[in-house]
Amino acid sequence: MKLQDIFESLRESSRKLAQLSPGQKNNALLAVKDSLAARTASIIAANDHDVMRAKDKGMKDSLVDRLRLDEARMEGILSGID
């Protein structure tokens, strides 16, 4: 899928989301949170791979740290959805 196609899909989705009631939006956010929580281990594993690639390509340590996800950061993301 081309990047332009992804952007168009996101734009269409944002229009649909804007039409939802607050309750529906909250339910959607809770579904996203549940999905992220269920996939935390695989998200962190994929992130570890990305962090290694970033280091191998010489990315600054400060930027690598911003990229890095761990259990605590994932918990922060999940708690921010509430």
PDB file of N, CA and C in Angstrom:
ATOM      1  N   MET A   1       0.845  -1.172   0.000  1.00  0.00           N
ATOM      2  CA  MET A   1       0.000   0.000   0.000  1.00  0.00           C
ATOM      3  C   MET A   1       0.894   1.241   0.000  1.00  0.00           C
ATOM      4  N   LYS A   2       0.569   2.171  -0.876  1.00  0.00           N
ATOM      5  CA  LYS A   2       1.328   3.415  -0.968  1.00  0.00           C
ATOM      6  C   LYS A   2       0.987   4.324   0.200  1.00  0.00           C
ATOM      7  N   LEU A   3       1.929   5.181   0.534  1.00  0.00           N
ATOM      8  CA  LEU A   3       1.740   6.126   1.622  1.00  0.00           C
ATOM      9  C   LEU A   3       0.532   7.019   1.361  1.00  0.00           C
ATOM     10  N   GLN A   4       0.348   7.448   0.130  1.00  0.00           N
ATOM     11  CA  GLN A   4      -0.800   8.287  -0.217  1.00  0.00           C
ATOM     12  C   GLN A   4      -2.109   7.550   0.054  1.00  0.00           C
ATOM     13  N   ASP A   5      -2.163   6.266  -0.239  1.00  0.00           N
ATOM     14  CA  ASP A   5      -3.365   5.468   0.037  1.00  0.00           C
ATOM     15  C   ASP A   5      -3.640   5.390   1.539  1.00  0.00           C
ATOM     16  N   ILE A   6      -2.584   5.260   2.314  1.00  0.00           N
ATOM     17  CA  ILE A   6      -2.738   5.213   3.769  1.00  0.00           C
ATOM     18  C   ILE A   6      -3.309   6.537   4.273  1.00  0.00           C
ATOM     19  N   PHE A   7      -2.769   7.655   3.765  1.00  0.00           N
ATOM     20  CA  PHE A   7      -3.261   8.969   4.189  1.00  0.00           C
ATOM     21  C   PHE A   7      -4.729   9.161   3.812  1.00  0.00           C
ATOM     22  N   GLU A   8      -5.103   8.731   2.628  1.00  0.00           N
ATOM     23  CA  GLU A   8      -6.498   8.858   2.210  1.00  0.00           C
ATOM     24  C   GLU A   8      -7.410   8.015   3.094  1.00  0.00           C
ATOM     25  N   SER A   9      -6.956   6.835   3.445  1.00  0.00           N
ATOM     26  CA  SER A   9      -7.736   5.971   4.331  1.00  0.00           C
ATOM     27  C   SER A   9      -7.887   6.608   5.706  1.00  0.00           C
ATOM     28  N   LEU A  10      -6.816   7.196   6.214  1.00  0.00           N
ATOM     29  CA  LEU A  10      -6.866   7.881   7.506  1.00  0.00           C
ATOM     30  C   LEU A  10      -7.818   9.070   7.462  1.00  0.00           C
ATOM     31  N   ARG A  11      -7.781   9.813   6.380  1.00  0.00           N
ATOM     32  CA  ARG A  11      -8.655  10.974   6.233  1.00  0.00           C
ATOM     33  C   ARG A  11     -10.119  10.531   6.246  1.00  0.00           C
ATOM     34  N   GLU A  12     -10.424   9.478   5.521  1.00  0.00           N
ATOM     35  CA  GLU A  12     -11.790   8.949   5.473  1.00  0.00           C
ATOM     36  C   GLU A  12     -12.217   8.450   6.851  1.00  0.00           C
ATOM     37  N   SER A  13     -11.334   7.761   7.515  1.00  0.00           N
ATOM     38  CA  SER A  13     -11.644   7.248   8.852  1.00  0.00           C
ATOM     39  C   SER A  13     -11.879   8.387   9.837  1.00  0.00           C
ATOM     40  N   SER A  14     -11.099   9.455   9.735  1.00  0.00           N
ATOM     41  CA  SER A  14     -11.270  10.574  10.664  1.00  0.00           C
ATOM     42  C   SER A  14     -12.628  11.236  10.458  1.00  0.00           C
ATOM     43  N   ARG A  15     -13.090  11.292   9.230  1.00  0.00           N
ATOM     44  CA  ARG A  15     -14.425  11.849   8.962  1.00  0.00           C
ATOM     45  C   ARG A  15     -15.505  10.994   9.610  1.00  0.00           C
ATOM     46  N   LYS A  16     -15.352   9.687   9.513  1.00  0.00           N
ATOM     47  CA  LYS A  16     -16.323   8.780  10.117  1.00  0.00           C
ATOM     48  C   LYS A  16     -16.296   8.896  11.638  1.00  0.00           C
ATOM     49  N   LEU A  17     -15.112   8.968  12.207  1.00  0.00           N
ATOM     50  CA  LEU A  17     -14.988   9.092  13.659  1.00  0.00           C
ATOM     51  C   LEU A  17     -15.601  10.393  14.167  1.00  0.00           C
ATOM     52  N   ALA A  18     -15.483  11.453  13.394  1.00  0.00           N
ATOM     53  CA  ALA A  18     -16.025  12.751  13.807  1.00  0.00           C
ATOM     54  C   ALA A  18     -17.543  12.701  13.943  1.00  0.00           C
ATOM     55  N   GLN A  19     -18.185  11.780  13.265  1.00  0.00           N
ATOM     56  CA  GLN A  19     -19.646  11.680  13.296  1.00  0.00           C
ATOM     57  C   GLN A  19     -20.161  10.802  14.433  1.00  0.00           C
ATOM     58  N   LEU A  20     -19.262  10.152  15.155  1.00  0.00           N
ATOM     59  CA  LEU A  20     -19.688   9.266  16.234  1.00  0.00           C
ATOM     60  C   LEU A  20     -20.083  10.064  17.474  1.00  0.00           C
ATOM     61  N   SER A  21     -20.944   9.476  18.269  1.00  0.00           N
ATOM     62  CA  SER A  21     -21.322  10.081  19.544  1.00  0.00           C
ATOM     63  C   SER A  21     -20.149   9.944  20.521  1.00  0.00           C
ATOM     64  N   PRO A  22     -20.151  10.745  21.591  1.00  0.00           N
ATOM     65  CA  PRO A  22     -19.086  10.603  22.584  1.00  0.00           C
ATOM     66  C   PRO A  22     -18.993   9.180  23.154  1.00  0.00           C
ATOM     67  N   GLY A  23     -20.108   8.546  23.385  1.00  0.00           N
ATOM     68  CA  GLY A  23     -20.096   7.170  23.890  1.00  0.00           C
ATOM     69  C   GLY A  23     -19.453   6.203  22.912  1.00  0.00           C
ATOM     70  N   GLN A  24     -19.767   6.376  21.641  1.00  0.00           N
ATOM     71  CA  GLN A  24     -19.164   5.517  20.617  1.00  0.00           C
ATOM     72  C   GLN A  24     -17.664   5.753  20.514  1.00  0.00           C
ATOM     73  N   LYS A  25     -17.258   7.022  20.627  1.00  0.00           N
ATOM     74  CA  LYS A  25     -15.822   7.340  20.595  1.00  0.00           C
ATOM     75  C   LYS A  25     -15.106   6.713  21.790  1.00  0.00           C
ATOM     76  N   ASN A  26     -15.730   6.810  22.961  1.00  0.00           N
ATOM     77  CA  ASN A  26     -15.130   6.205  24.153  1.00  0.00           C
ATOM     78  C   ASN A  26     -15.013   4.699  24.009  1.00  0.00           C
ATOM     79  N   ASN A  27     -16.039   4.062  23.452  1.00  0.00           N
ATOM     80  CA  ASN A  27     -15.989   2.614  23.224  1.00  0.00           C
ATOM     81  C   ASN A  27     -14.879   2.252  22.244  1.00  0.00           C
ATOM     82  N   ALA A  28     -14.703   3.073  21.217  1.00  0.00           N
ATOM     83  CA  ALA A  28     -13.638   2.825  20.238  1.00  0.00           C
ATOM     84  C   ALA A  28     -12.263   2.947  20.904  1.00  0.00           C
ATOM     85  N   LEU A  29     -12.099   3.965  21.748  1.00  0.00           N
ATOM     86  CA  LEU A  29     -10.825   4.135  22.446  1.00  0.00           C
ATOM     87  C   LEU A  29     -10.542   2.967  23.385  1.00  0.00           C
ATOM     88  N   LEU A  30     -11.567   2.503  24.067  1.00  0.00           N
ATOM     89  CA  LEU A  30     -11.376   1.345  24.954  1.00  0.00           C
ATOM     90  C   LEU A  30     -11.011   0.096  24.155  1.00  0.00           C
ATOM     91  N   ALA A  31     -11.582  -0.049  22.962  1.00  0.00           N
ATOM     92  CA  ALA A  31     -11.232  -1.187  22.109  1.00  0.00           C
ATOM     93  C   ALA A  31      -9.771  -1.093  21.655  1.00  0.00           C
ATOM     94  N   VAL A  32      -9.327   0.119  21.341  1.00  0.00           N
ATOM     95  CA  VAL A  32      -7.916   0.325  20.967  1.00  0.00           C
ATOM     96  C   VAL A  32      -7.019  -0.022  22.148  1.00  0.00           C
ATOM     97  N   LYS A  33      -7.397   0.460  23.329  1.00  0.00           N
ATOM     98  CA  LYS A  33      -6.610   0.174  24.529  1.00  0.00           C
ATOM     99  C   LYS A  33      -6.524  -1.327  24.781  1.00  0.00           C
ATOM    100  N   ASP A  34      -7.648  -2.022  24.700  1.00  0.00           N
ATOM    101  CA  ASP A  34      -7.655  -3.465  24.908  1.00  0.00           C
ATOM    102  C   ASP A  34      -6.775  -4.186  23.887  1.00  0.00           C
ATOM    103  N   SER A  35      -6.842  -3.731  22.651  1.00  0.00           N
ATOM    104  CA  SER A  35      -6.033  -4.351  21.597  1.00  0.00           C
ATOM    105  C   SER A  35      -4.540  -4.126  21.844  1.00  0.00           C
ATOM    106  N   LEU A  36      -4.180  -2.911  22.208  1.00  0.00           N
ATOM    107  CA  LEU A  36      -2.770  -2.628  22.522  1.00  0.00           C
ATOM    108  C   LEU A  36      -2.300  -3.440  23.724  1.00  0.00           C
ATOM    109  N   ALA A  37      -3.136  -3.513  24.750  1.00  0.00           N
ATOM    110  CA  ALA A  37      -2.769  -4.260  25.957  1.00  0.00           C
ATOM    111  C   ALA A  37      -2.554  -5.738  25.636  1.00  0.00           C
ATOM    112  N   ALA A  38      -3.405  -6.283  24.789  1.00  0.00           N
ATOM    113  CA  ALA A  38      -3.296  -7.699  24.431  1.00  0.00           C
ATOM    114  C   ALA A  38      -2.053  -7.981  23.590  1.00  0.00           C
ATOM    115  N   ARG A  39      -1.549  -6.962  22.930  1.00  0.00           N
ATOM    116  CA  ARG A  39      -0.405  -7.143  22.025  1.00  0.00           C
ATOM    117  C   ARG A  39       0.875  -6.503  22.556  1.00  0.00           C
ATOM    118  N   THR A  40       0.895  -6.128  23.815  1.00  0.00           N
ATOM    119  CA  THR A  40       2.044  -5.422  24.372  1.00  0.00           C
ATOM    120  C   THR A  40       3.353  -6.173  24.145  1.00  0.00           C
ATOM    121  N   ALA A  41       3.373  -7.455  24.399  1.00  0.00           N
ATOM    122  CA  ALA A  41       4.623  -8.224  24.245  1.00  0.00           C
ATOM    123  C   ALA A  41       5.119  -8.183  22.806  1.00  0.00           C
ATOM    124  N   SER A  42       4.233  -8.353  21.842  1.00  0.00           N
ATOM    125  CA  SER A  42       4.670  -8.345  20.440  1.00  0.00           C
ATOM    126  C   SER A  42       5.043  -6.936  19.988  1.00  0.00           C
ATOM    127  N   ILE A  43       4.382  -5.922  20.532  1.00  0.00           N
ATOM    128  CA  ILE A  43       4.739  -4.540  20.203  1.00  0.00           C
ATOM    129  C   ILE A  43       6.148  -4.233  20.720  1.00  0.00           C
ATOM    130  N   ILE A  44       6.427  -4.631  21.948  1.00  0.00           N
ATOM    131  CA  ILE A  44       7.754  -4.402  22.526  1.00  0.00           C
ATOM    132  C   ILE A  44       8.819  -5.184  21.757  1.00  0.00           C
ATOM    133  N   ALA A  45       8.511  -6.406  21.361  1.00  0.00           N
ATOM    134  CA  ALA A  45       9.474  -7.204  20.591  1.00  0.00           C
ATOM    135  C   ALA A  45       9.779  -6.544  19.246  1.00  0.00           C
ATOM    136  N   ALA A  46       8.751  -6.062  18.571  1.00  0.00           N
ATOM    137  CA  ALA A  46       8.966  -5.378  17.293  1.00  0.00           C
ATOM    138  C   ALA A  46       9.750  -4.089  17.513  1.00  0.00           C
ATOM    139  N   ASN A  47       9.461  -3.392  18.600  1.00  0.00           N
ATOM    140  CA  ASN A  47      10.171  -2.165  18.926  1.00  0.00           C
ATOM    141  C   ASN A  47      11.642  -2.452  19.206  1.00  0.00           C
ATOM    142  N   ASP A  48      11.928  -3.552  19.893  1.00  0.00           N
ATOM    143  CA  ASP A  48      13.324  -3.928  20.146  1.00  0.00           C
ATOM    144  C   ASP A  48      14.090  -4.060  18.838  1.00  0.00           C
ATOM    145  N   HIS A  49      13.448  -4.648  17.849  1.00  0.00           N
ATOM    146  CA  HIS A  49      14.056  -4.796  16.529  1.00  0.00           C
ATOM    147  C   HIS A  49      14.319  -3.419  15.910  1.00  0.00           C
ATOM    148  N   ASP A  50      13.335  -2.519  16.007  1.00  0.00           N
ATOM    149  CA  ASP A  50      13.498  -1.167  15.472  1.00  0.00           C
ATOM    150  C   ASP A  50      14.616  -0.417  16.187  1.00  0.00           C
ATOM    151  N   VAL A  51      14.711  -0.585  17.494  1.00  0.00           N
ATOM    152  CA  VAL A  51      15.756   0.078  18.279  1.00  0.00           C
ATOM    153  C   VAL A  51      17.134  -0.426  17.839  1.00  0.00           C
ATOM    154  N   MET A  52      17.258  -1.719  17.651  1.00  0.00           N
ATOM    155  CA  MET A  52      18.541  -2.290  17.196  1.00  0.00           C
ATOM    156  C   MET A  52      18.932  -1.734  15.831  1.00  0.00           C
ATOM    157  N   ARG A  53      17.965  -1.645  14.923  1.00  0.00           N
ATOM    158  CA  ARG A  53      18.252  -1.096  13.593  1.00  0.00           C
ATOM    159  C   ARG A  53      18.668   0.363  13.690  1.00  0.00           C
ATOM    160  N   ALA A  54      17.984   1.118  14.544  1.00  0.00           N
ATOM    161  CA  ALA A  54      18.328   2.531  14.714  1.00  0.00           C
ATOM    162  C   ALA A  54      19.756   2.678  15.246  1.00  0.00           C
ATOM    163  N   LYS A  55      20.117   1.863  16.217  1.00  0.00           N
ATOM    164  CA  LYS A  55      21.481   1.900  16.754  1.00  0.00           C
ATOM    165  C   LYS A  55      22.495   1.527  15.685  1.00  0.00           C
ATOM    166  N   ASP A  56      22.192   0.469  14.921  1.00  0.00           N
ATOM    167  CA  ASP A  56      23.099   0.026  13.862  1.00  0.00           C
ATOM    168  C   ASP A  56      23.313   1.091  12.803  1.00  0.00           C
ATOM    169  N   LYS A  57      22.303   1.933  12.600  1.00  0.00           N
ATOM    170  CA  LYS A  57      22.414   2.992  11.592  1.00  0.00           C
ATOM    171  C   LYS A  57      23.015   4.264  12.160  1.00  0.00           C
ATOM    172  N   GLY A  58      23.403   4.216  13.459  1.00  0.00           N
ATOM    173  CA  GLY A  58      24.094   5.347  14.048  1.00  0.00           C
ATOM    174  C   GLY A  58      23.205   6.443  14.604  1.00  0.00           C
ATOM    175  N   MET A  59      21.957   6.136  14.862  1.00  0.00           N
ATOM    176  CA  MET A  59      21.072   7.133  15.440  1.00  0.00           C
ATOM    177  C   MET A  59      21.592   7.539  16.819  1.00  0.00           C
ATOM    178  N   LYS A  60      21.453   8.822  17.136  1.00  0.00           N
ATOM    179  CA  LYS A  60      21.889   9.325  18.435  1.00  0.00           C
ATOM    180  C   LYS A  60      21.155   8.597  19.554  1.00  0.00           C
ATOM    181  N   ASP A  61      21.880   8.376  20.658  1.00  0.00           N
ATOM    182  CA  ASP A  61      21.292   7.673  21.798  1.00  0.00           C
ATOM    183  C   ASP A  61      20.029   8.358  22.321  1.00  0.00           C
ATOM    184  N   SER A  62      20.010   9.684  22.309  1.00  0.00           N
ATOM    185  CA  SER A  62      18.836  10.409  22.802  1.00  0.00           C
ATOM    186  C   SER A  62      17.614  10.126  21.929  1.00  0.00           C
ATOM    187  N   LEU A  63      17.807   9.978  20.629  1.00  0.00           N
ATOM    188  CA  LEU A  63      16.695   9.661  19.737  1.00  0.00           C
ATOM    189  C   LEU A  63      16.278   8.198  19.880  1.00  0.00           C
ATOM    190  N   VAL A  64      17.264   7.331  20.061  1.00  0.00           N
ATOM    191  CA  VAL A  64      16.960   5.915  20.271  1.00  0.00           C
ATOM    192  C   VAL A  64      16.125   5.749  21.531  1.00  0.00           C
ATOM    193  N   ASP A  65      16.458   6.502  22.568  1.00  0.00           N
ATOM    194  CA  ASP A  65      15.693   6.418  23.805  1.00  0.00           C
ATOM    195  C   ASP A  65      14.245   6.841  23.586  1.00  0.00           C
ATOM    196  N   ARG A  66      14.021   7.840  22.762  1.00  0.00           N
ATOM    197  CA  ARG A  66      12.639   8.263  22.463  1.00  0.00           C
ATOM    198  C   ARG A  66      11.883   7.198  21.694  1.00  0.00           C
ATOM    199  N   LEU A  67      12.598   6.435  20.903  1.00  0.00           N
ATOM    200  CA  LEU A  67      11.990   5.374  20.118  1.00  0.00           C
ATOM    201  C   LEU A  67      11.634   4.154  20.970  1.00  0.00           C
ATOM    202  N   ARG A  68      12.407   3.917  22.008  1.00  0.00           N
ATOM    203  CA  ARG A  68      12.306   2.689  22.797  1.00  0.00           C
ATOM    204  C   ARG A  68      10.987   2.601  23.570  1.00  0.00           C
ATOM    205  N   LEU A  69      10.347   1.437  23.488  1.00  0.00           N
ATOM    206  CA  LEU A  69       9.169   1.113  24.290  1.00  0.00           C
ATOM    207  C   LEU A  69       9.521  -0.015  25.241  1.00  0.00           C
ATOM    208  N   ASP A  70       9.037   0.102  26.469  1.00  0.00           N
ATOM    209  CA  ASP A  70       9.173  -0.988  27.435  1.00  0.00           C
ATOM    210  C   ASP A  70       7.837  -1.089  28.168  1.00  0.00           C
ATOM    211  N   GLU A  71       7.783  -1.971  29.156  1.00  0.00           N
ATOM    212  CA  GLU A  71       6.523  -2.178  29.877  1.00  0.00           C
ATOM    213  C   GLU A  71       6.006  -0.877  30.495  1.00  0.00           C
ATOM    214  N   ALA A  72       6.909  -0.101  31.099  1.00  0.00           N
ATOM    215  CA  ALA A  72       6.498   1.140  31.755  1.00  0.00           C
ATOM    216  C   ALA A  72       5.954   2.154  30.753  1.00  0.00           C
ATOM    217  N   ARG A  73       6.610   2.273  29.625  1.00  0.00           N
ATOM    218  CA  ARG A  73       6.133   3.224  28.611  1.00  0.00           C
ATOM    219  C   ARG A  73       4.811   2.757  28.008  1.00  0.00           C
ATOM    220  N   MET A  74       4.686   1.469  27.795  1.00  0.00           N
ATOM    221  CA  MET A  74       3.410   0.951  27.282  1.00  0.00           C
ATOM    222  C   MET A  74       2.297   1.203  28.288  1.00  0.00           C
ATOM    223  N   GLU A  75       2.587   1.014  29.564  1.00  0.00           N
ATOM    224  CA  GLU A  75       1.583   1.273  30.605  1.00  0.00           C
ATOM    225  C   GLU A  75       1.179   2.746  30.597  1.00  0.00           C
ATOM    226  N   GLY A  76       2.147   3.615  30.381  1.00  0.00           N
ATOM    227  CA  GLY A  76       1.850   5.038  30.283  1.00  0.00           C
ATOM    228  C   GLY A  76       0.956   5.352  29.101  1.00  0.00           C
ATOM    229  N   ILE A  77       1.231   4.722  27.976  1.00  0.00           N
ATOM    230  CA  ILE A  77       0.399   4.906  26.782  1.00  0.00           C
ATOM    231  C   ILE A  77      -1.017   4.431  27.062  1.00  0.00           C
ATOM    232  N   LEU A  78      -1.116   3.246  27.653  1.00  0.00           N
ATOM    233  CA  LEU A  78      -2.436   2.670  27.932  1.00  0.00           C
ATOM    234  C   LEU A  78      -3.203   3.522  28.948  1.00  0.00           C
ATOM    235  N   SER A  79      -2.530   4.002  29.969  1.00  0.00           N
ATOM    236  CA  SER A  79      -3.230   4.818  30.967  1.00  0.00           C
ATOM    237  C   SER A  79      -3.644   6.167  30.383  1.00  0.00           C
ATOM    238  N   GLY A  80      -2.930   6.628  29.376  1.00  0.00           N
ATOM    239  CA  GLY A  80      -3.291   7.880  28.712  1.00  0.00           C
ATOM    240  C   GLY A  80      -4.547   7.774  27.870  1.00  0.00           C
ATOM    241  N   ILE A  81      -4.960   6.563  27.566  1.00  0.00           N
ATOM    242  CA  ILE A  81      -6.170   6.365  26.770  1.00  0.00           C
ATOM    243  C   ILE A  81      -7.417   6.490  27.629  1.00  0.00           C
ATOM    244  N   ASP A  82      -7.292   6.277  28.921  1.00  0.00           N
ATOM    245  CA  ASP A  82      -8.455   6.381  29.819  1.00  0.00           C
ATOM    246  C   ASP A  82      -9.044   7.769  29.844  1.00  0.00           C
TER     247      ASP A  82
END
